[in-house]
N, C-alpha and C. Protein backbone atom coordinates (compact mmCIF):
# COMPACT_ATOMS: atom_id res chain seq x y z
N PRO A 1 1.15 -1.23 0.13
CA PRO A 1 -0.17 0.10 0.13
C PRO A 1 1.03 1.32 0.09
N GLN A 2 0.24 2.36 -0.44
CA GLN A 2 0.75 3.37 -0.87
C GLN A 2 1.19 4.36 0.55
N LYS A 3 2.09 5.08 1.41
CA LYS A 3 2.37 5.41 2.30
C LYS A 3 1.62 6.95 2.28
N THR A 4 0.54 7.42 3.00
CA THR A 4 0.43 8.75 2.66
C THR A 4 1.12 10.03 4.09
N PHE A 5 1.16 11.36 3.16
CA PHE A 5 1.59 12.28 4.47
C PHE A 5 0.79 12.33 5.69
N ARG A 6 1.15 12.35 6.90
CA ARG A 6 -0.31 12.53 7.56
C ARG A 6 -0.15 14.33 8.18
N CYS A 7 0.81 14.85 8.60
CA CYS A 7 1.20 16.03 9.08
C CYS A 7 2.28 16.20 9.51
N SER A 8 2.51 17.82 9.46
CA SER A 8 4.43 17.96 9.90
C SER A 8 4.18 18.74 11.79
N LEU A 9 4.75 18.10 12.93
CA LEU A 9 4.91 19.11 14.17
C LEU A 9 5.96 19.88 14.21
N LEU A 10 5.46 21.18 14.31
CA LEU A 10 5.82 22.21 14.27
C LEU A 10 6.28 22.63 15.29
N GLY A 11 7.24 22.97 16.70
CA GLY A 11 7.29 23.60 18.07
C GLY A 11 8.56 23.35 18.20
N HIS A 12 9.63 22.33 18.00
CA HIS A 12 10.70 22.23 18.22
C HIS A 12 11.67 23.69 17.85
N THR A 13 12.17 23.94 18.33
CA THR A 13 13.18 25.26 18.13
C THR A 13 14.96 24.94 17.20
N ASN A 14 15.04 23.38 17.10
CA ASN A 14 16.18 23.09 17.24
C ASN A 14 16.39 21.81 16.90
N TRP A 15 17.76 20.76 16.43
CA TRP A 15 17.04 18.97 15.95
C TRP A 15 16.20 18.23 16.87
N VAL A 16 15.26 17.83 16.02
CA VAL A 16 14.69 16.39 17.00
C VAL A 16 15.74 15.85 17.17
N ARG A 17 15.90 14.91 17.82
CA ARG A 17 16.76 13.71 17.87
C ARG A 17 16.14 12.06 18.34
N THR A 18 14.75 12.38 18.81
CA THR A 18 14.31 10.99 19.64
C THR A 18 12.04 11.35 18.75
N CYS A 19 11.36 10.26 18.92
CA CYS A 19 10.51 10.66 18.64
C CYS A 19 9.42 9.00 19.02
N LYS A 20 8.69 9.00 19.60
CA LYS A 20 8.30 7.66 20.18
C LYS A 20 6.34 8.11 19.92
N PHE A 21 5.33 6.78 19.44
CA PHE A 21 4.34 6.79 19.51
C PHE A 21 4.27 6.29 20.51
N SER A 22 3.15 6.50 21.71
CA SER A 22 2.51 5.91 23.53
C SER A 22 2.23 4.60 22.70
N PRO A 23 1.86 3.81 23.35
CA PRO A 23 1.87 2.54 22.82
C PRO A 23 0.09 2.03 23.36
N ASP A 24 -0.46 2.81 23.84
CA ASP A 24 -1.79 2.60 23.92
C ASP A 24 -2.65 3.30 23.19
N THR A 25 -2.17 4.15 22.02
CA THR A 25 -3.05 4.67 21.14
C THR A 25 -2.08 5.57 19.73
N SER A 26 -2.77 5.65 19.09
CA SER A 26 -2.05 5.81 17.74
C SER A 26 -1.75 7.17 17.58
N HIS A 27 -2.11 8.39 18.07
CA HIS A 27 -2.72 9.12 17.94
C HIS A 27 -1.63 10.11 18.91
N ILE A 28 -1.44 9.85 20.31
CA ILE A 28 0.16 10.47 21.37
C ILE A 28 1.39 10.31 20.75
N CYS A 29 1.92 11.09 20.18
CA CYS A 29 3.28 11.10 20.11
C CYS A 29 4.39 11.90 21.11
N GLY A 30 5.10 11.34 21.33
CA GLY A 30 6.43 12.91 22.08
C GLY A 30 7.85 12.53 21.32
N SER A 31 8.13 13.84 21.69
CA SER A 31 9.53 14.09 20.69
C SER A 31 10.22 14.48 21.64
N GLY A 32 11.95 14.38 21.34
CA GLY A 32 12.59 15.80 22.23
C GLY A 32 13.93 15.68 21.15
N GLY A 33 14.59 16.93 21.70
CA GLY A 33 15.70 17.47 20.88
C GLY A 33 16.94 18.40 21.63
N ASP A 34 17.47 19.14 20.89
CA ASP A 34 18.48 20.20 21.27
C ASP A 34 17.91 21.22 21.65
N ASP A 35 16.76 21.27 21.62
CA ASP A 35 15.85 22.60 22.52
C ASP A 35 15.75 22.73 23.66
N GLY A 36 16.40 20.93 24.61
CA GLY A 36 15.82 20.69 25.44
C GLY A 36 14.50 20.79 26.56
N THR A 37 13.43 20.22 25.40
CA THR A 37 12.32 20.18 25.39
C THR A 37 11.90 18.40 25.45
N VAL A 38 10.92 18.57 25.70
CA VAL A 38 10.28 16.92 25.52
C VAL A 38 8.61 17.53 25.35
N ARG A 39 8.45 17.25 23.77
CA ARG A 39 7.07 17.59 23.48
C ARG A 39 6.13 16.40 23.38
N LEU A 40 4.77 16.55 24.10
CA LEU A 40 4.25 15.52 23.65
C LEU A 40 2.65 15.73 22.81
N TRP A 41 2.37 15.41 21.69
CA TRP A 41 1.53 15.83 20.33
C TRP A 41 0.33 15.24 20.73
N ASP A 42 -0.49 15.62 20.31
CA ASP A 42 -1.74 14.87 19.64
C ASP A 42 -1.95 14.84 17.99
N VAL A 43 -1.55 13.89 17.48
CA VAL A 43 -1.14 14.10 16.02
C VAL A 43 -2.59 13.83 15.12
N GLU A 44 -4.03 13.36 15.43
CA GLU A 44 -4.69 13.79 15.19
C GLU A 44 -5.32 15.14 14.96
N ARG A 45 -5.04 16.24 15.98
CA ARG A 45 -5.31 17.30 15.82
C ARG A 45 -4.22 18.10 15.53
N ASN A 46 -2.81 17.83 15.24
CA ASN A 46 -1.86 18.32 14.94
C ASN A 46 -1.29 19.51 16.21
N VAL A 47 -2.02 18.79 17.22
CA VAL A 47 -0.85 20.03 18.29
C VAL A 47 -0.22 19.25 18.97
N ASN A 48 0.68 20.23 19.91
CA ASN A 48 1.62 20.41 21.17
C ASN A 48 0.73 20.33 22.10
N ILE A 49 0.39 19.21 22.70
CA ILE A 49 -0.08 19.24 24.15
C ILE A 49 -0.17 19.56 25.12
N VAL A 50 1.59 18.73 25.43
CA VAL A 50 2.49 19.35 26.72
C VAL A 50 3.72 19.72 26.54
N THR A 51 4.23 20.23 26.96
CA THR A 51 5.79 20.84 26.42
C THR A 51 6.48 20.34 28.07
N LEU A 52 7.67 19.52 27.96
CA LEU A 52 7.99 19.44 29.44
C LEU A 52 9.95 19.94 29.20
N ASP A 53 10.03 20.80 30.25
CA ASP A 53 11.20 21.66 29.39
C ASP A 53 12.60 20.99 30.37
N PHE A 54 13.65 20.60 29.69
CA PHE A 54 14.88 20.57 30.71
C PHE A 54 15.64 21.57 30.53
N SER A 55 15.57 22.51 29.40
CA SER A 55 16.74 23.62 29.26
C SER A 55 17.14 24.27 29.87
N GLY A 56 16.29 24.98 31.58
CA GLY A 56 16.92 25.50 32.42
C GLY A 56 17.00 25.43 33.73
N ARG A 57 17.10 24.13 33.98
CA ARG A 57 17.93 23.50 35.18
C ARG A 57 18.83 22.96 34.71
N SER A 58 19.45 23.10 36.53
CA SER A 58 20.94 22.42 36.55
C SER A 58 20.96 20.88 37.18
N GLY A 59 19.70 20.36 38.03
CA GLY A 59 20.12 19.27 37.93
C GLY A 59 19.09 18.14 38.42
N GLY A 60 19.45 17.26 38.45
CA GLY A 60 17.63 15.90 38.02
C GLY A 60 17.21 15.95 38.84
N TYR A 61 17.23 16.49 40.31
CA TYR A 61 16.14 16.60 41.64
C TYR A 61 15.22 17.25 41.34
N GLY A 62 14.06 17.22 41.05
CA GLY A 62 13.19 18.49 41.91
C GLY A 62 12.44 18.48 40.39
N GLY A 63 12.66 18.05 38.78
CA GLY A 63 11.90 17.73 38.28
C GLY A 63 11.94 18.89 37.36
N SER A 64 12.18 18.96 35.89
CA SER A 64 11.78 20.58 35.03
C SER A 64 10.16 20.68 34.89
N GLN A 65 10.23 22.04 34.22
CA GLN A 65 9.05 22.81 33.87
C GLN A 65 8.03 21.93 33.11
N SER A 66 7.11 22.05 33.43
CA SER A 66 6.04 21.72 32.62
C SER A 66 4.51 22.91 31.75
N THR A 67 4.80 22.54 30.44
CA THR A 67 3.83 23.98 29.66
C THR A 67 2.57 23.55 29.37
N LYS A 68 1.96 23.90 29.00
CA LYS A 68 0.82 22.83 28.20
C LYS A 68 0.93 23.83 26.74
N GLY A 69 1.47 23.46 25.40
CA GLY A 69 1.42 24.29 24.64
C GLY A 69 2.57 25.11 24.48
N GLY A 70 3.10 25.46 25.40
CA GLY A 70 4.22 26.78 25.42
C GLY A 70 5.95 25.61 24.86
N SER A 71 6.61 26.88 24.80
CA SER A 71 8.03 26.70 24.36
C SER A 71 8.78 27.60 25.38
N HIS A 72 10.14 26.58 25.49
CA HIS A 72 11.36 27.51 26.03
C HIS A 72 12.23 26.90 25.56
N ASP A 73 13.62 27.61 25.37
CA ASP A 73 14.84 27.38 24.58
C ASP A 73 15.90 27.85 24.64
N ASN A 74 16.25 27.23 25.76
CA ASN A 74 17.68 28.15 26.24
C ASN A 74 19.06 27.13 25.99
N GLY A 75 18.69 25.66 25.26
CA GLY A 75 19.25 24.97 24.80
C GLY A 75 20.47 24.22 25.50
N SER A 76 20.47 24.21 26.90
CA SER A 76 21.57 23.96 27.40
C SER A 76 21.60 22.38 27.60
N LYS A 77 20.26 21.48 27.35
CA LYS A 77 20.30 20.33 27.66
C LYS A 77 19.99 19.33 26.39
N SER A 78 20.18 18.29 25.90
CA SER A 78 19.83 17.92 24.83
C SER A 78 19.06 15.83 24.97
N VAL A 79 17.57 16.65 24.61
CA VAL A 79 16.72 15.47 24.93
C VAL A 79 17.56 14.01 24.03
N ARG A 80 18.01 13.35 24.23
CA ARG A 80 18.11 12.18 23.01
C ARG A 80 17.50 10.68 23.22
N HIS A 81 16.69 10.62 24.08
CA HIS A 81 16.11 9.49 23.80
C HIS A 81 14.52 9.55 24.66
N LEU A 82 13.50 8.92 24.41
CA LEU A 82 11.94 8.64 24.83
C LEU A 82 11.53 7.37 25.28
N GLU A 83 11.05 6.98 26.23
CA GLU A 83 10.06 5.46 26.19
C GLU A 83 9.36 5.30 26.82
N PHE A 84 8.26 5.36 26.56
CA PHE A 84 6.74 5.40 27.53
C PHE A 84 6.72 4.15 27.96
N HIS A 85 6.08 3.62 29.45
CA HIS A 85 5.79 2.65 29.90
C HIS A 85 4.58 2.17 29.01
N PRO A 86 4.60 0.57 29.04
CA PRO A 86 4.09 -0.24 28.01
C PRO A 86 2.18 0.01 28.57
N SER A 87 1.95 1.15 29.60
CA SER A 87 0.91 0.72 29.82
C SER A 87 0.30 3.06 30.05
N ALA A 88 1.50 3.61 29.23
CA ALA A 88 1.13 4.70 28.83
C ALA A 88 1.12 6.00 29.82
N THR A 89 1.31 5.42 31.17
CA THR A 89 0.76 6.40 32.11
C THR A 89 2.14 7.29 32.76
N SER A 90 3.42 6.50 31.82
CA SER A 90 5.00 7.41 32.57
C SER A 90 5.56 7.49 31.09
N LEU A 91 6.19 8.42 31.56
CA LEU A 91 7.64 8.73 30.21
C LEU A 91 8.89 8.79 30.77
N ALA A 92 9.63 8.41 30.10
CA ALA A 92 11.29 8.71 30.58
C ALA A 92 12.00 9.07 29.55
N ALA A 93 12.77 10.15 30.09
CA ALA A 93 13.38 11.25 29.18
C ALA A 93 14.95 11.15 29.33
N SER A 94 16.27 10.50 28.41
CA SER A 94 17.33 11.32 29.15
C SER A 94 17.96 11.92 28.29
N THR A 95 18.66 12.89 28.66
CA THR A 95 19.49 13.95 28.14
C THR A 95 20.96 13.81 28.45
N THR A 96 21.57 14.87 27.55
CA THR A 96 23.07 14.42 27.41
C THR A 96 23.87 14.87 28.42
N ASP A 97 23.20 15.43 29.44
CA ASP A 97 24.22 15.65 31.08
C ASP A 97 23.85 15.05 32.27
N GLY A 98 23.50 13.20 31.13
CA GLY A 98 23.46 11.87 32.38
C GLY A 98 22.13 12.02 32.94
N ILE A 99 21.14 12.62 32.87
CA ILE A 99 20.06 12.95 33.85
C ILE A 99 18.86 11.87 32.84
N ILE A 100 18.02 11.24 33.59
CA ILE A 100 17.19 10.41 33.17
C ILE A 100 15.92 10.69 34.46
N GLU A 101 14.73 11.18 33.45
CA GLU A 101 14.03 12.06 34.19
C GLU A 101 12.39 11.09 34.00
N LEU A 102 11.44 10.69 34.89
CA LEU A 102 10.35 9.67 35.10
C LEU A 102 9.10 11.38 35.35
N TYR A 103 8.12 10.86 33.88
CA TYR A 103 7.00 11.68 34.63
C TYR A 103 5.91 10.54 34.12
N ASP A 104 4.90 11.35 35.49
CA ASP A 104 3.50 10.75 35.55
C ASP A 104 3.01 11.44 34.65
N LEU A 105 2.15 10.58 33.93
CA LEU A 105 1.57 11.54 32.57
C LEU A 105 0.17 11.38 33.36
N ARG A 106 -0.44 10.85 33.87
CA ARG A 106 -2.21 11.27 34.42
C ARG A 106 -2.34 12.42 35.12
N CYS A 107 -0.65 13.08 35.54
CA CYS A 107 -0.85 14.24 36.08
C CYS A 107 -0.72 15.52 35.44
N ASP A 108 -1.32 16.86 35.90
CA ASP A 108 -1.71 17.44 34.80
C ASP A 108 -0.27 18.37 35.10
N LYS A 109 0.81 18.34 36.05
CA LYS A 109 1.93 19.00 35.85
C LYS A 109 3.28 18.12 35.84
């Protein structure tokens, strides 16, 4: 079967290094890159639904900031890998500074 173009997801301000679909749905996708953010996308609506910001943080404890649909770009950390938990309730993200952060996706922050 012929492949069909679906959409472009615009929002990262630097190279995108990783992209994964949530295991429980075909329309939620996570991406991360050199702008220091992890973005969750609804590809059916073509919108950025949550942005998790690593860029302005100095260390692992305390977590990153979360914004709904927003953007921050200090470029100090690069997100290189994402992995959804099989139940899609959690997301792990790793950065080039050696930090792995876990996010509970059931929370609003």
